[in-house]
PDB file of all heavy atoms in Angstrom:
ATOM      1  N   ASN A   1       0.830  -1.195   0.000  1.00  0.00           N
ATOM      2  CA  ASN A   1       0.000   0.000   0.000  1.00  0.00           C
ATOM      3  C   ASN A   1       0.867   1.249   0.000  1.00  0.00           C
ATOM      4  O   ASN A   1       2.048   1.200   0.320  1.00  0.00           O
ATOM      5  CB  ASN A   1      -0.918   0.015   1.224  1.00  0.00           C
ATOM      6  CG  ASN A   1      -1.883  -1.136   1.265  1.00  0.00           C
ATOM      7  OD1 ASN A   1      -2.355  -1.606   0.231  1.00  0.00           O
ATOM      8  ND2 ASN A   1      -2.205  -1.601   2.473  1.00  0.00           N
ATOM      9  N   SER A   2       0.259   2.372  -0.341  1.00  0.00           N
ATOM     10  CA  SER A   2       0.966   3.663  -0.360  1.00  0.00           C
ATOM     11  C   SER A   2       2.276   3.564  -1.116  1.00  0.00           C
ATOM     12  O   SER A   2       3.323   4.013  -0.647  1.00  0.00           O
ATOM     13  CB  SER A   2       1.201   4.146   1.075  1.00  0.00           C
ATOM     14  OG  SER A   2      -0.016   4.285   1.773  1.00  0.00           O
ATOM     15  N   LEU A   3       2.219   2.989  -2.286  1.00  0.00           N
ATOM     16  CA  LEU A   3       3.427   2.751  -3.065  1.00  0.00           C
ATOM     17  C   LEU A   3       4.098   4.050  -3.492  1.00  0.00           C
ATOM     18  O   LEU A   3       3.434   5.042  -3.781  1.00  0.00           O
ATOM     19  CB  LEU A   3       3.105   1.899  -4.284  1.00  0.00           C
ATOM     20  CG  LEU A   3       2.901   0.418  -3.973  1.00  0.00           C
ATOM     21  CD1 LEU A   3       2.177  -0.281  -5.110  1.00  0.00           C
ATOM     22  CD2 LEU A   3       4.246  -0.249  -3.709  1.00  0.00           C
ATOM     23  N   LYS A   4       5.413   3.997  -3.519  1.00  0.00           N
ATOM     24  CA  LYS A   4       6.242   5.128  -3.892  1.00  0.00           C
ATOM     25  C   LYS A   4       7.078   4.766  -5.113  1.00  0.00           C
ATOM     26  O   LYS A   4       7.353   3.592  -5.347  1.00  0.00           O
ATOM     27  CB  LYS A   4       7.180   5.508  -2.742  1.00  0.00           C
ATOM     28  CG  LYS A   4       6.492   5.790  -1.425  1.00  0.00           C
ATOM     29  CD  LYS A   4       7.515   6.021  -0.326  1.00  0.00           C
ATOM     30  CE  LYS A   4       6.842   6.279   1.005  1.00  0.00           C
ATOM     31  NZ  LYS A   4       7.844   6.492   2.093  1.00  0.00           N
ATOM     32  N   PRO A   5       7.509   5.757  -5.887  1.00  0.00           N
ATOM     33  CA  PRO A   5       8.386   5.456  -7.026  1.00  0.00           C
ATOM     34  C   PRO A   5       9.628   4.672  -6.620  1.00  0.00           C
ATOM     35  O   PRO A   5      10.120   3.856  -7.405  1.00  0.00           O
ATOM     36  CB  PRO A   5       8.750   6.843  -7.559  1.00  0.00           C
ATOM     37  CG  PRO A   5       7.566   7.683  -7.219  1.00  0.00           C
ATOM     38  CD  PRO A   5       7.122   7.185  -5.866  1.00  0.00           C
ATOM     39  N   GLU A   6      10.115   4.892  -5.414  1.00  0.00           N
ATOM     40  CA  GLU A   6      11.287   4.184  -4.919  1.00  0.00           C
ATOM     41  C   GLU A   6      11.044   2.690  -4.733  1.00  0.00           C
ATOM     42  O   GLU A   6      11.989   1.922  -4.567  1.00  0.00           O
ATOM     43  CB  GLU A   6      11.752   4.776  -3.577  1.00  0.00           C
ATOM     44  CG  GLU A   6      12.047   6.266  -3.634  1.00  0.00           C
ATOM     45  CD  GLU A   6      10.838   7.104  -3.271  1.00  0.00           C
ATOM     46  OE1 GLU A   6      10.005   7.365  -4.169  1.00  0.00           O
ATOM     47  OE2 GLU A   6      10.734   7.513  -2.094  1.00  0.00           O
ATOM     48  N   ASP A   7       9.788   2.268  -4.753  1.00  0.00           N
ATOM     49  CA  ASP A   7       9.455   0.855  -4.633  1.00  0.00           C
ATOM     50  C   ASP A   7       9.589   0.115  -5.961  1.00  0.00           C
ATOM     51  O   ASP A   7       9.457  -1.111  -6.000  1.00  0.00           O
ATOM     52  CB  ASP A   7       8.029   0.672  -4.108  1.00  0.00           C
ATOM     53  CG  ASP A   7       7.854   1.201  -2.694  1.00  0.00           C
ATOM     54  OD1 ASP A   7       8.744   0.962  -1.851  1.00  0.00           O
ATOM     55  OD2 ASP A   7       6.813   1.846  -2.436  1.00  0.00           O
ATOM     56  N   THR A   8       9.815   0.842  -7.029  1.00  0.00           N
ATOM     57  CA  THR A   8       9.945   0.233  -8.346  1.00  0.00           C
ATOM     58  C   THR A   8      11.115  -0.740  -8.374  1.00  0.00           C
ATOM     59  O   THR A   8      12.244  -0.385  -8.047  1.00  0.00           O
ATOM     60  CB  THR A   8      10.138   1.306  -9.426  1.00  0.00           C
ATOM     61  OG1 THR A   8       8.960   2.118  -9.505  1.00  0.00           O
ATOM     62  CG2 THR A   8      10.392   0.675 -10.788  1.00  0.00           C
ATOM     63  N   ALA A   9      10.834  -1.976  -8.755  1.00  0.00           N
ATOM     64  CA  ALA A   9      11.855  -3.017  -8.779  1.00  0.00           C
ATOM     65  C   ALA A   9      11.238  -4.313  -9.279  1.00  0.00           C
ATOM     66  O   ALA A   9      10.018  -4.426  -9.427  1.00  0.00           O
ATOM     67  CB  ALA A   9      12.434  -3.244  -7.380  1.00  0.00           C
ATOM     68  N   VAL A  10      12.095  -5.286  -9.531  1.00  0.00           N
ATOM     69  CA  VAL A  10      11.633  -6.647  -9.742  1.00  0.00           C
ATOM     70  C   VAL A  10      11.536  -7.293  -8.372  1.00  0.00           C
ATOM     71  O   VAL A  10      12.498  -7.278  -7.601  1.00  0.00           O
ATOM     72  CB  VAL A  10      12.585  -7.450 -10.644  1.00  0.00           C
ATOM     73  CG1 VAL A  10      12.113  -8.898 -10.763  1.00  0.00           C
ATOM     74  CG2 VAL A  10      12.670  -6.806 -12.023  1.00  0.00           C
ATOM     75  N   TYR A  11      10.390  -7.842  -8.060  1.00  0.00           N
ATOM     76  CA  TYR A  11      10.159  -8.463  -6.767  1.00  0.00           C
ATOM     77  C   TYR A  11      10.247  -9.976  -6.886  1.00  0.00           C
ATOM     78  O   TYR A  11       9.646 -10.578  -7.780  1.00  0.00           O
ATOM     79  CB  TYR A  11       8.793  -8.058  -6.217  1.00  0.00           C
ATOM     80  CG  TYR A  11       8.786  -6.663  -5.642  1.00  0.00           C
ATOM     81  CD1 TYR A  11       8.895  -5.554  -6.470  1.00  0.00           C
ATOM     82  CD2 TYR A  11       8.682  -6.457  -4.261  1.00  0.00           C
ATOM     83  CE1 TYR A  11       8.916  -4.270  -5.945  1.00  0.00           C
ATOM     84  CE2 TYR A  11       8.694  -5.177  -3.740  1.00  0.00           C
ATOM     85  CZ  TYR A  11       8.811  -4.090  -4.580  1.00  0.00           C
ATOM     86  OH  TYR A  11       8.818  -2.816  -4.051  1.00  0.00           O
ATOM     87  N   TYR A  12      10.982 -10.583  -5.967  1.00  0.00           N
ATOM     88  CA  TYR A  12      11.213 -12.017  -5.981  1.00  0.00           C
ATOM     89  C   TYR A  12      10.684 -12.675  -4.714  1.00  0.00           C
ATOM     90  O   TYR A  12      10.896 -12.180  -3.614  1.00  0.00           O
ATOM     91  CB  TYR A  12      12.705 -12.332  -6.076  1.00  0.00           C
ATOM     92  CG  TYR A  12      13.373 -11.841  -7.332  1.00  0.00           C
ATOM     93  CD1 TYR A  12      13.941 -10.579  -7.398  1.00  0.00           C
ATOM     94  CD2 TYR A  12      13.449 -12.661  -8.457  1.00  0.00           C
ATOM     95  CE1 TYR A  12      14.565 -10.131  -8.549  1.00  0.00           C
ATOM     96  CE2 TYR A  12      14.073 -12.228  -9.611  1.00  0.00           C
ATOM     97  CZ  TYR A  12      14.634 -10.956  -9.650  1.00  0.00           C
ATOM     98  OH  TYR A  12      15.257 -10.531 -10.791  1.00  0.00           O
ATOM     99  N   CYS A  13      10.041 -13.785  -4.894  1.00  0.00           N
ATOM    100  CA  CYS A  13       9.641 -14.639  -3.795  1.00  0.00           C
ATOM    101  C   CYS A  13      10.742 -15.666  -3.575  1.00  0.00           C
ATOM    102  O   CYS A  13      11.336 -16.165  -4.530  1.00  0.00           O
ATOM    103  CB  CYS A  13       8.321 -15.334  -4.140  1.00  0.00           C
ATOM    104  SG  CYS A  13       7.772 -16.584  -2.972  1.00  0.00           S
ATOM    105  N   ALA A  14      11.029 -15.993  -2.324  1.00  0.00           N
ATOM    106  CA  ALA A  14      12.088 -16.939  -2.029  1.00  0.00           C
ATOM    107  C   ALA A  14      11.767 -17.744  -0.774  1.00  0.00           C
ATOM    108  O   ALA A  14      11.016 -17.296   0.086  1.00  0.00           O
ATOM    109  CB  ALA A  14      13.420 -16.209  -1.852  1.00  0.00           C
ATOM    110  N   ALA A  15      12.369 -18.927  -0.689  1.00  0.00           N
ATOM    111  CA  ALA A  15      12.176 -19.807   0.453  1.00  0.00           C
ATOM    112  C   ALA A  15      13.513 -20.100   1.112  1.00  0.00           C
ATOM    113  O   ALA A  15      14.504 -20.394   0.434  1.00  0.00           O
ATOM    114  CB  ALA A  15      11.507 -21.107   0.024  1.00  0.00           C
ATOM    115  N   CYS A  16      13.524 -20.027   2.423  1.00  0.00           N
ATOM    116  CA  CYS A  16      14.732 -20.245   3.214  1.00  0.00           C
ATOM    117  C   CYS A  16      14.497 -21.390   4.190  1.00  0.00           C
ATOM    118  O   CYS A  16      13.624 -21.314   5.050  1.00  0.00           O
ATOM    119  CB  CYS A  16      15.081 -18.954   3.948  1.00  0.00           C
ATOM    120  SG  CYS A  16      16.634 -18.987   4.855  1.00  0.00           S
ATOM    121  N   GLY A  17      15.273 -22.438   4.044  1.00  0.00           N
ATOM    122  CA  GLY A  17      15.120 -23.546   4.957  1.00  0.00           C
ATOM    123  C   GLY A  17      15.777 -24.807   4.461  1.00  0.00           C
ATOM    124  O   GLY A  17      16.383 -24.826   3.385  1.00  0.00           O
ATOM    125  N   PRO A  18      15.651 -25.872   5.239  1.00  0.00           N
ATOM    126  CA  PRO A  18      14.917 -25.991   6.492  1.00  0.00           C
ATOM    127  C   PRO A  18      15.534 -25.221   7.655  1.00  0.00           C
ATOM    128  O   PRO A  18      14.850 -24.975   8.645  1.00  0.00           O
ATOM    129  CB  PRO A  18      14.919 -27.496   6.768  1.00  0.00           C
ATOM    130  CG  PRO A  18      16.169 -27.979   6.111  1.00  0.00           C
ATOM    131  CD  PRO A  18      16.303 -27.155   4.856  1.00  0.00           C
ATOM    132  N   VAL A  19      16.804 -24.831   7.529  1.00  0.00           N
ATOM    133  CA  VAL A  19      17.447 -23.994   8.523  1.00  0.00           C
ATOM    134  C   VAL A  19      17.727 -22.640   7.888  1.00  0.00           C
ATOM    135  O   VAL A  19      18.324 -22.567   6.820  1.00  0.00           O
ATOM    136  CB  VAL A  19      18.752 -24.609   9.047  1.00  0.00           C
ATOM    137  CG1 VAL A  19      19.427 -23.664  10.033  1.00  0.00           C
ATOM    138  CG2 VAL A  19      18.476 -25.945   9.714  1.00  0.00           C
ATOM    139  N   CYS A  20      17.301 -21.559   8.513  1.00  0.00           N
ATOM    140  CA  CYS A  20      17.491 -20.216   7.998  1.00  0.00           C
ATOM    141  C   CYS A  20      18.125 -19.357   9.080  1.00  0.00           C
ATOM    142  O   CYS A  20      17.440 -18.904  10.001  1.00  0.00           O
ATOM    143  CB  CYS A  20      16.151 -19.625   7.548  1.00  0.00           C
ATOM    144  SG  CYS A  20      16.308 -18.153   6.509  1.00  0.00           S
ATOM    145  N   ARG A  21      19.429 -19.126   8.967  1.00  0.00           N
ATOM    146  CA  ARG A  21      20.173 -18.422  10.000  1.00  0.00           C
ATOM    147  C   ARG A  21      20.202 -16.912   9.814  1.00  0.00           C
ATOM    148  O   ARG A  21      20.383 -16.174  10.786  1.00  0.00           O
ATOM    149  CB  ARG A  21      21.604 -18.958  10.059  1.00  0.00           C
ATOM    150  CG  ARG A  21      21.685 -20.458  10.309  1.00  0.00           C
ATOM    151  CD  ARG A  21      23.122 -20.922  10.427  1.00  0.00           C
ATOM    152  NE  ARG A  21      23.211 -22.374  10.452  1.00  0.00           N
ATOM    153  CZ  ARG A  21      23.007 -23.116  11.523  1.00  0.00           C
ATOM    154  NH1 ARG A  21      22.693 -22.545  12.678  1.00  0.00           N
ATOM    155  NH2 ARG A  21      23.114 -24.430  11.453  1.00  0.00           N
ATOM    156  N   ALA A  22      20.051 -16.453   8.581  1.00  0.00           N
ATOM    157  CA  ALA A  22      20.104 -15.023   8.284  1.00  0.00           C
ATOM    158  C   ALA A  22      19.027 -14.679   7.268  1.00  0.00           C
ATOM    159  O   ALA A  22      19.313 -14.522   6.074  1.00  0.00           O
ATOM    160  CB  ALA A  22      21.484 -14.628   7.770  1.00  0.00           C
ATOM    161  N   PRO A  23      17.800 -14.544   7.714  1.00  0.00           N
ATOM    162  CA  PRO A  23      16.676 -14.387   6.778  1.00  0.00           C
ATOM    163  C   PRO A  23      16.637 -13.088   5.994  1.00  0.00           C
ATOM    164  O   PRO A  23      15.787 -12.958   5.110  1.00  0.00           O
ATOM    165  CB  PRO A  23      15.446 -14.510   7.695  1.00  0.00           C
ATOM    166  CG  PRO A  23      15.948 -14.153   9.055  1.00  0.00           C
ATOM    167  CD  PRO A  23      17.345 -14.678   9.109  1.00  0.00           C
ATOM    168  N   THR A  24      17.512 -12.131   6.285  1.00  0.00           N
ATOM    169  CA  THR A  24      17.552 -10.909   5.493  1.00  0.00           C
ATOM    170  C   THR A  24      18.608 -10.972   4.393  1.00  0.00           C
ATOM    171  O   THR A  24      18.740 -10.030   3.615  1.00  0.00           O
ATOM    172  CB  THR A  24      17.821  -9.672   6.361  1.00  0.00           C
ATOM    173  OG1 THR A  24      19.128  -9.752   6.935  1.00  0.00           O
ATOM    174  CG2 THR A  24      16.788  -9.561   7.479  1.00  0.00           C
ATOM    175  N   ARG A  25      19.338 -12.067   4.331  1.00  0.00           N
ATOM    176  CA  ARG A  25      20.421 -12.195   3.363  1.00  0.00           C
ATOM    177  C   ARG A  25      20.013 -13.110   2.209  1.00  0.00           C
ATOM    178  O   ARG A  25      19.596 -14.244   2.432  1.00  0.00           O
ATOM    179  CB  ARG A  25      21.673 -12.751   4.029  1.00  0.00           C
ATOM    180  CG  ARG A  25      22.112 -11.956   5.255  1.00  0.00           C
ATOM    181  CD  ARG A  25      22.490 -10.526   4.881  1.00  0.00           C
ATOM    182  NE  ARG A  25      22.925  -9.759   6.037  1.00  0.00           N
ATOM    183  CZ  ARG A  25      24.171  -9.724   6.487  1.00  0.00           C
ATOM    184  NH1 ARG A  25      25.128 -10.408   5.857  1.00  0.00           N
ATOM    185  NH2 ARG A  25      24.470  -9.005   7.553  1.00  0.00           N
TER     186      ARG A  25
END
C-alpha cells in the first residue's frame, strides 16, 4: 500500500530452509 516510485523493482519470492540463519540475506 501507499506505493512510492522508490518501490519500483523486480520483486522475488524466495524460500529459506529448512534452517534459515540469516533471513535478510
